[in-house]
Amino acid sequence: MRDIRPVMSHRAHLPPSAHTTFVTGGAVVCSFLPRPLEQDEDAMRVPFYHRNTDYDEFIFYHDGDFFSRDNIKAGMCTLHPRGIHHGPHPKALANQKKKTQTDEYAVMLDGLNPIHVLPAGEGVEWKEYWMSWMEKK
C-alpha cells in the first residue's frame, strides 16, 4: 500500500470507487491512504451518506485515525450489506473542518456476491455498531 499514490481532489469529496486499486469479476478492492483533505470551504470532507445497491461493503481498518467513523480502531472491520444506508458519524460531520488531511490506511472490498460472516467473526462482532450513528446526548 505504501507504493500507491492516493487519489486527491481539492474541491469535491471523491466516491470510494475513485480509490479502486484492483478489479475482479466479483469484487472491487479500494485502498484508502493518508492524503490532504478537500480545501474548498464548501466541500464535504467526509464520505457522504450512501447505500450500495450492487455490492456488500467490507472495510478493514489497518492503521491510523479513522475520523469518519466513531470508535473504530486499527485492526477492526466493518460490514455494510447492500441496501443499508451508511456514511459519516455525527461526530465526524461536526469535526470535518478541523482536519486538513486523513491519517489512515484501510482496505475496502466491495463484493458482488453477498458477504457472509463466519462464526469466528460473529464471536468478535460489535453488536451495537448499528447504533453508533445515533447522536449521543
N, C-alpha and C. Protein backbone atom coordinates (compact mmCIF):
# COMPACT_ATOMS: atom_id res chain seq x y z
N MET A 1 0.82 -1.20 0.00
CA MET A 1 0.00 0.00 0.00
C MET A 1 0.86 1.26 0.00
N ARG A 2 2.03 1.19 0.57
CA ARG A 2 2.87 2.39 0.65
C ARG A 2 3.36 2.84 -0.71
N ASP A 3 3.26 1.97 -1.72
CA ASP A 3 3.68 2.33 -3.07
C ASP A 3 2.55 2.95 -3.90
N ILE A 4 1.34 2.97 -3.36
CA ILE A 4 0.20 3.52 -4.09
C ILE A 4 0.07 5.00 -3.79
N ARG A 5 -0.07 5.78 -4.81
CA ARG A 5 -0.25 7.22 -4.65
C ARG A 5 -1.75 7.49 -4.45
N PRO A 6 -2.15 8.19 -3.37
CA PRO A 6 -3.58 8.41 -3.13
C PRO A 6 -4.20 9.35 -4.16
N VAL A 7 -5.47 9.12 -4.43
CA VAL A 7 -6.23 10.00 -5.32
C VAL A 7 -6.71 11.18 -4.48
N MET A 8 -6.58 12.39 -5.04
CA MET A 8 -6.94 13.59 -4.28
C MET A 8 -7.82 14.52 -5.11
N SER A 9 -8.62 15.29 -4.42
CA SER A 9 -9.43 16.32 -5.05
C SER A 9 -9.51 17.49 -4.08
N HIS A 10 -9.25 18.69 -4.56
CA HIS A 10 -9.28 19.85 -3.67
C HIS A 10 -10.68 20.44 -3.51
N ARG A 11 -11.59 20.11 -4.43
CA ARG A 11 -12.90 20.78 -4.41
C ARG A 11 -14.07 19.89 -4.06
N ALA A 12 -13.98 18.58 -4.28
CA ALA A 12 -15.12 17.71 -4.01
C ALA A 12 -14.65 16.39 -3.42
N HIS A 13 -15.43 15.85 -2.50
CA HIS A 13 -15.10 14.55 -1.92
C HIS A 13 -15.36 13.48 -2.97
N LEU A 14 -14.36 12.65 -3.22
CA LEU A 14 -14.48 11.61 -4.24
C LEU A 14 -15.19 10.38 -3.68
N PRO A 15 -15.97 9.70 -4.50
CA PRO A 15 -16.62 8.47 -4.03
C PRO A 15 -15.56 7.38 -3.82
N PRO A 16 -15.87 6.38 -3.00
CA PRO A 16 -14.90 5.32 -2.74
C PRO A 16 -14.36 4.66 -4.01
N SER A 17 -15.18 4.55 -5.03
CA SER A 17 -14.74 3.88 -6.25
C SER A 17 -13.54 4.58 -6.90
N ALA A 18 -13.32 5.85 -6.60
CA ALA A 18 -12.15 6.56 -7.14
C ALA A 18 -10.85 5.99 -6.59
N HIS A 19 -10.93 5.29 -5.48
CA HIS A 19 -9.74 4.74 -4.82
C HIS A 19 -9.52 3.26 -5.18
N THR A 20 -10.15 2.80 -6.27
CA THR A 20 -10.04 1.41 -6.69
C THR A 20 -8.60 1.07 -7.08
N THR A 21 -8.12 -0.04 -6.52
CA THR A 21 -6.76 -0.50 -6.84
C THR A 21 -6.77 -1.84 -7.57
N PHE A 22 -7.81 -2.64 -7.39
CA PHE A 22 -7.93 -3.93 -8.06
C PHE A 22 -9.39 -4.17 -8.42
N VAL A 23 -9.61 -4.81 -9.57
CA VAL A 23 -10.96 -5.18 -10.01
C VAL A 23 -10.93 -6.64 -10.43
N THR A 24 -11.90 -7.42 -9.95
CA THR A 24 -12.05 -8.81 -10.37
C THR A 24 -13.46 -8.96 -10.94
N GLY A 25 -13.79 -10.16 -11.37
CA GLY A 25 -15.14 -10.40 -11.88
C GLY A 25 -16.21 -10.30 -10.81
N GLY A 26 -15.84 -10.45 -9.54
CA GLY A 26 -16.84 -10.43 -8.48
C GLY A 26 -16.59 -9.44 -7.37
N ALA A 27 -15.54 -8.62 -7.48
CA ALA A 27 -15.24 -7.70 -6.39
C ALA A 27 -14.39 -6.53 -6.88
N VAL A 28 -14.45 -5.47 -6.11
CA VAL A 28 -13.61 -4.30 -6.32
C VAL A 28 -12.87 -4.06 -5.01
N VAL A 29 -11.57 -3.81 -5.08
CA VAL A 29 -10.77 -3.53 -3.89
C VAL A 29 -10.32 -2.07 -3.97
N CYS A 30 -10.58 -1.32 -2.90
CA CYS A 30 -10.18 0.08 -2.82
C CYS A 30 -9.20 0.25 -1.67
N SER A 31 -8.22 1.12 -1.86
CA SER A 31 -7.21 1.39 -0.83
C SER A 31 -7.34 2.85 -0.40
N PHE A 32 -7.53 3.05 0.89
CA PHE A 32 -7.63 4.40 1.45
C PHE A 32 -6.33 4.71 2.17
N LEU A 33 -5.69 5.78 1.75
CA LEU A 33 -4.36 6.14 2.22
C LEU A 33 -4.34 7.56 2.76
N PRO A 34 -3.33 7.92 3.56
CA PRO A 34 -3.23 9.31 4.01
C PRO A 34 -3.19 10.24 2.80
N ARG A 35 -3.94 11.33 2.91
CA ARG A 35 -4.00 12.30 1.80
C ARG A 35 -4.51 13.63 2.34
N PRO A 36 -4.23 14.72 1.63
CA PRO A 36 -4.82 16.01 2.02
C PRO A 36 -6.33 15.97 1.82
N LEU A 37 -7.05 16.60 2.72
CA LEU A 37 -8.50 16.69 2.57
C LEU A 37 -8.86 17.83 1.61
N GLU A 38 -10.08 17.82 1.16
CA GLU A 38 -10.58 18.85 0.25
C GLU A 38 -10.41 20.22 0.90
N GLN A 39 -9.97 21.19 0.13
CA GLN A 39 -9.67 22.51 0.68
C GLN A 39 -10.77 23.53 0.44
N ASP A 40 -11.64 23.29 -0.51
CA ASP A 40 -12.73 24.24 -0.78
C ASP A 40 -13.57 24.39 0.48
N GLU A 41 -13.89 25.62 0.85
CA GLU A 41 -14.64 25.89 2.08
C GLU A 41 -15.98 25.16 2.13
N ASP A 42 -16.63 24.98 0.99
CA ASP A 42 -17.94 24.34 0.95
C ASP A 42 -17.88 22.83 0.71
N ALA A 43 -16.70 22.29 0.55
CA ALA A 43 -16.56 20.86 0.25
C ALA A 43 -16.84 20.01 1.48
N MET A 44 -17.49 18.89 1.27
CA MET A 44 -17.67 17.90 2.32
C MET A 44 -16.36 17.12 2.40
N ARG A 45 -15.85 16.92 3.61
CA ARG A 45 -14.55 16.27 3.78
C ARG A 45 -14.66 14.86 4.33
N VAL A 46 -15.85 14.38 4.47
CA VAL A 46 -16.09 13.02 4.94
C VAL A 46 -16.95 12.30 3.91
N PRO A 47 -16.97 10.97 3.94
CA PRO A 47 -17.81 10.25 2.98
C PRO A 47 -19.27 10.68 3.11
N PHE A 48 -19.94 10.80 2.00
CA PHE A 48 -21.35 11.18 2.02
C PHE A 48 -22.20 9.95 2.35
N TYR A 49 -23.42 10.19 2.82
CA TYR A 49 -24.34 9.08 3.10
C TYR A 49 -24.69 8.41 1.78
N HIS A 50 -24.69 7.09 1.80
CA HIS A 50 -25.00 6.33 0.60
C HIS A 50 -25.44 4.93 0.99
N ARG A 51 -25.94 4.23 0.01
CA ARG A 51 -26.20 2.80 0.18
C ARG A 51 -25.80 2.13 -1.12
N ASN A 52 -25.13 1.03 -0.99
CA ASN A 52 -24.70 0.29 -2.16
C ASN A 52 -25.87 -0.58 -2.62
N THR A 53 -26.15 -0.56 -3.89
CA THR A 53 -27.25 -1.38 -4.41
C THR A 53 -26.76 -2.66 -5.06
N ASP A 54 -25.49 -2.72 -5.43
CA ASP A 54 -24.95 -3.89 -6.13
C ASP A 54 -23.91 -4.66 -5.33
N TYR A 55 -23.37 -4.07 -4.26
CA TYR A 55 -22.26 -4.68 -3.55
C TYR A 55 -22.48 -4.66 -2.04
N ASP A 56 -21.91 -5.65 -1.36
CA ASP A 56 -21.72 -5.59 0.08
C ASP A 56 -20.36 -4.93 0.29
N GLU A 57 -20.26 -4.06 1.29
CA GLU A 57 -19.03 -3.30 1.52
C GLU A 57 -18.37 -3.77 2.81
N PHE A 58 -17.15 -4.26 2.69
CA PHE A 58 -16.37 -4.74 3.83
C PHE A 58 -15.10 -3.91 3.91
N ILE A 59 -14.84 -3.28 5.05
CA ILE A 59 -13.64 -2.44 5.21
C ILE A 59 -12.79 -2.96 6.37
N PHE A 60 -11.50 -3.14 6.10
CA PHE A 60 -10.52 -3.47 7.13
C PHE A 60 -9.71 -2.22 7.42
N TYR A 61 -9.73 -1.79 8.68
CA TYR A 61 -9.03 -0.59 9.12
C TYR A 61 -7.65 -1.02 9.63
N HIS A 62 -6.62 -0.77 8.85
CA HIS A 62 -5.28 -1.26 9.16
C HIS A 62 -4.54 -0.39 10.17
N ASP A 63 -4.50 0.93 9.94
CA ASP A 63 -3.69 1.79 10.80
C ASP A 63 -4.16 3.23 10.67
N GLY A 64 -3.99 4.02 11.73
CA GLY A 64 -4.27 5.45 11.66
C GLY A 64 -5.46 5.89 12.47
N ASP A 65 -5.94 7.08 12.15
CA ASP A 65 -7.07 7.72 12.82
C ASP A 65 -8.23 7.76 11.84
N PHE A 66 -9.25 6.95 12.08
CA PHE A 66 -10.38 6.84 11.16
C PHE A 66 -11.47 7.81 11.59
N PHE A 67 -11.26 9.08 11.26
CA PHE A 67 -12.12 10.13 11.81
C PHE A 67 -13.53 10.13 11.25
N SER A 68 -13.79 9.46 10.13
CA SER A 68 -15.16 9.45 9.60
C SER A 68 -16.05 8.45 10.34
N ARG A 69 -15.46 7.61 11.17
CA ARG A 69 -16.20 6.64 11.96
C ARG A 69 -15.81 6.79 13.42
N ASP A 70 -16.79 6.83 14.29
CA ASP A 70 -16.52 6.95 15.72
C ASP A 70 -16.20 5.58 16.31
N ASN A 71 -15.23 5.53 17.18
CA ASN A 71 -14.86 4.32 17.93
C ASN A 71 -14.32 3.18 17.06
N ILE A 72 -13.75 3.48 15.91
CA ILE A 72 -13.11 2.46 15.07
C ILE A 72 -11.61 2.56 15.31
N LYS A 73 -11.00 1.43 15.59
CA LYS A 73 -9.56 1.36 15.87
C LYS A 73 -8.88 0.45 14.86
N ALA A 74 -7.56 0.56 14.76
CA ALA A 74 -6.78 -0.31 13.87
C ALA A 74 -7.06 -1.77 14.20
N GLY A 75 -7.21 -2.57 13.17
CA GLY A 75 -7.49 -3.99 13.31
C GLY A 75 -8.96 -4.34 13.27
N MET A 76 -9.83 -3.33 13.28
CA MET A 76 -11.27 -3.58 13.22
C MET A 76 -11.73 -3.65 11.76
N CYS A 77 -12.92 -4.22 11.57
CA CYS A 77 -13.55 -4.30 10.25
C CYS A 77 -15.00 -3.86 10.38
N THR A 78 -15.55 -3.36 9.30
CA THR A 78 -16.99 -3.07 9.26
C THR A 78 -17.58 -3.73 8.03
N LEU A 79 -18.84 -4.10 8.13
CA LEU A 79 -19.57 -4.69 7.02
C LEU A 79 -20.86 -3.92 6.84
N HIS A 80 -21.06 -3.40 5.63
CA HIS A 80 -22.27 -2.68 5.30
C HIS A 80 -22.94 -3.42 4.14
N PRO A 81 -23.94 -4.25 4.46
CA PRO A 81 -24.62 -5.01 3.40
C PRO A 81 -25.33 -4.08 2.42
N ARG A 82 -25.48 -4.55 1.19
CA ARG A 82 -26.16 -3.75 0.17
C ARG A 82 -27.54 -3.32 0.66
N GLY A 83 -27.90 -2.10 0.30
CA GLY A 83 -29.21 -1.58 0.65
C GLY A 83 -29.28 -0.88 1.99
N ILE A 84 -28.24 -0.97 2.82
CA ILE A 84 -28.24 -0.33 4.14
C ILE A 84 -27.53 1.02 4.03
N HIS A 85 -28.24 2.10 4.41
CA HIS A 85 -27.62 3.43 4.38
C HIS A 85 -26.49 3.50 5.41
N HIS A 86 -25.41 4.18 5.03
CA HIS A 86 -24.30 4.43 5.94
C HIS A 86 -23.51 5.61 5.43
N GLY A 87 -22.66 6.13 6.27
CA GLY A 87 -21.87 7.31 5.93
C GLY A 87 -21.16 7.81 7.17
N PRO A 88 -20.84 9.09 7.22
CA PRO A 88 -20.08 9.62 8.36
C PRO A 88 -20.91 9.65 9.63
N HIS A 89 -20.23 9.48 10.74
CA HIS A 89 -20.90 9.60 12.02
C HIS A 89 -21.13 11.08 12.34
N PRO A 90 -22.11 11.38 13.20
CA PRO A 90 -22.38 12.78 13.56
C PRO A 90 -21.14 13.52 14.06
N LYS A 91 -20.29 12.85 14.83
CA LYS A 91 -19.07 13.47 15.34
C LYS A 91 -18.14 13.87 14.19
N ALA A 92 -18.05 13.03 13.17
CA ALA A 92 -17.20 13.32 12.02
C ALA A 92 -17.75 14.51 11.24
N LEU A 93 -19.05 14.57 11.07
CA LEU A 93 -19.66 15.72 10.38
C LEU A 93 -19.35 17.01 11.12
N ALA A 94 -19.47 16.97 12.44
CA ALA A 94 -19.24 18.18 13.24
C ALA A 94 -17.77 18.62 13.22
N ASN A 95 -16.85 17.66 13.10
CA ASN A 95 -15.42 17.98 13.20
C ASN A 95 -14.68 18.01 11.87
N GLN A 96 -15.39 17.87 10.75
CA GLN A 96 -14.69 17.74 9.47
C GLN A 96 -13.88 18.96 9.08
N LYS A 97 -14.22 20.13 9.51
CA LYS A 97 -13.47 21.35 9.15
C LYS A 97 -12.21 21.52 9.99
N LYS A 98 -12.06 20.70 11.04
CA LYS A 98 -10.90 20.82 11.93
C LYS A 98 -9.69 20.05 11.42
N LYS A 99 -9.88 19.19 10.43
CA LYS A 99 -8.78 18.38 9.90
C LYS A 99 -8.37 18.88 8.53
N THR A 100 -7.10 18.76 8.21
CA THR A 100 -6.61 19.15 6.89
C THR A 100 -6.16 17.95 6.07
N GLN A 101 -6.03 16.79 6.71
CA GLN A 101 -5.63 15.60 5.97
C GLN A 101 -6.12 14.35 6.69
N THR A 102 -6.17 13.24 5.96
CA THR A 102 -6.50 11.97 6.58
C THR A 102 -5.21 11.32 7.05
N ASP A 103 -5.34 10.46 8.02
CA ASP A 103 -4.19 9.71 8.54
C ASP A 103 -4.68 8.28 8.74
N GLU A 104 -4.90 7.58 7.62
CA GLU A 104 -5.46 6.26 7.74
C GLU A 104 -5.00 5.36 6.60
N TYR A 105 -4.93 4.07 6.93
CA TYR A 105 -4.70 3.04 5.94
C TYR A 105 -5.85 2.05 6.11
N ALA A 106 -6.65 1.89 5.08
CA ALA A 106 -7.76 0.96 5.13
C ALA A 106 -7.94 0.33 3.75
N VAL A 107 -8.47 -0.89 3.75
CA VAL A 107 -8.74 -1.59 2.50
C VAL A 107 -10.22 -1.97 2.49
N MET A 108 -10.89 -1.65 1.39
CA MET A 108 -12.30 -1.95 1.25
C MET A 108 -12.50 -2.98 0.14
N LEU A 109 -13.31 -3.96 0.42
CA LEU A 109 -13.70 -4.94 -0.58
C LEU A 109 -15.20 -4.78 -0.82
N ASP A 110 -15.57 -4.44 -2.03
CA ASP A 110 -16.98 -4.41 -2.42
C ASP A 110 -17.24 -5.70 -3.17
N GLY A 111 -18.02 -6.60 -2.55
CA GLY A 111 -18.27 -7.91 -3.14
C GLY A 111 -19.59 -7.96 -3.87
N LEU A 112 -19.56 -8.48 -5.10
CA LEU A 112 -20.78 -8.62 -5.90
C LEU A 112 -21.70 -9.67 -5.28
N ASN A 113 -21.13 -10.74 -4.75
CA ASN A 113 -21.91 -11.75 -4.04
C ASN A 113 -22.02 -11.34 -2.58
N PRO A 114 -23.12 -11.70 -1.92
CA PRO A 114 -23.26 -11.34 -0.51
C PRO A 114 -22.08 -11.85 0.32
N ILE A 115 -21.65 -11.03 1.27
CA ILE A 115 -20.56 -11.40 2.17
C ILE A 115 -21.20 -11.97 3.44
N HIS A 116 -20.81 -13.18 3.79
CA HIS A 116 -21.36 -13.85 4.97
C HIS A 116 -20.33 -13.84 6.08
N VAL A 117 -20.78 -13.51 7.28
CA VAL A 117 -19.91 -13.51 8.45
C VAL A 117 -19.85 -14.93 9.01
N LEU A 118 -18.65 -15.45 9.16
CA LEU A 118 -18.46 -16.79 9.69
C LEU A 118 -18.55 -16.77 11.22
N PRO A 119 -18.75 -17.93 11.84
CA PRO A 119 -18.88 -17.97 13.31
C PRO A 119 -17.72 -17.30 14.05
N ALA A 120 -16.49 -17.43 13.56
CA ALA A 120 -15.36 -16.77 14.23
C ALA A 120 -15.52 -15.26 14.22
N GLY A 121 -16.06 -14.71 13.14
CA GLY A 121 -16.31 -13.27 13.06
C GLY A 121 -17.43 -12.84 13.97
N GLU A 122 -18.46 -13.67 14.07
CA GLU A 122 -19.58 -13.35 14.95
C GLU A 122 -19.14 -13.29 16.41
N GLY A 123 -18.09 -14.04 16.74
CA GLY A 123 -17.59 -14.06 18.12
C GLY A 123 -16.94 -12.76 18.55
N VAL A 124 -16.52 -11.94 17.61
CA VAL A 124 -15.89 -10.67 17.96
C VAL A 124 -16.69 -9.48 17.44
N GLU A 125 -17.92 -9.74 17.02
CA GLU A 125 -18.75 -8.66 16.46
C GLU A 125 -19.12 -7.64 17.53
N TRP A 126 -19.09 -6.36 17.13
CA TRP A 126 -19.57 -5.26 17.97
C TRP A 126 -21.07 -5.15 17.65
N LYS A 127 -21.87 -5.78 18.48
CA LYS A 127 -23.31 -5.92 18.21
C LYS A 127 -24.03 -4.57 18.12
N GLU A 128 -23.52 -3.56 18.80
CA GLU A 128 -24.18 -2.25 18.81
C GLU A 128 -23.63 -1.30 17.75
N TYR A 129 -22.86 -1.80 16.78
CA TYR A 129 -22.27 -0.94 15.75
C TYR A 129 -23.34 -0.10 15.05
N TRP A 130 -24.47 -0.73 14.74
CA TRP A 130 -25.54 -0.01 14.04
C TRP A 130 -26.03 1.20 14.83
N MET A 131 -25.89 1.18 16.14
CA MET A 131 -26.33 2.29 16.97
C MET A 131 -25.32 3.43 17.00
N SER A 132 -24.13 3.23 16.46
CA SER A 132 -23.09 4.26 16.55
C SER A 132 -23.39 5.48 15.71
N TRP A 133 -24.39 5.41 14.82
CA TRP A 133 -24.77 6.58 14.03
C TRP A 133 -25.71 7.51 14.81
N MET A 134 -26.23 7.03 15.91
CA MET A 134 -27.14 7.85 16.70
C MET A 134 -26.35 8.90 17.48
N GLU A 135 -26.85 10.12 17.50
CA GLU A 135 -26.17 11.18 18.25
C GLU A 135 -26.22 10.87 19.73
N LYS A 136 -25.08 11.06 20.38
CA LYS A 136 -25.00 10.84 21.83
C LYS A 136 -25.41 12.12 22.55
N LYS A 137 -26.22 11.98 23.55
CA LYS A 137 -26.71 13.15 24.28
C LYS A 137 -26.04 13.27 25.62
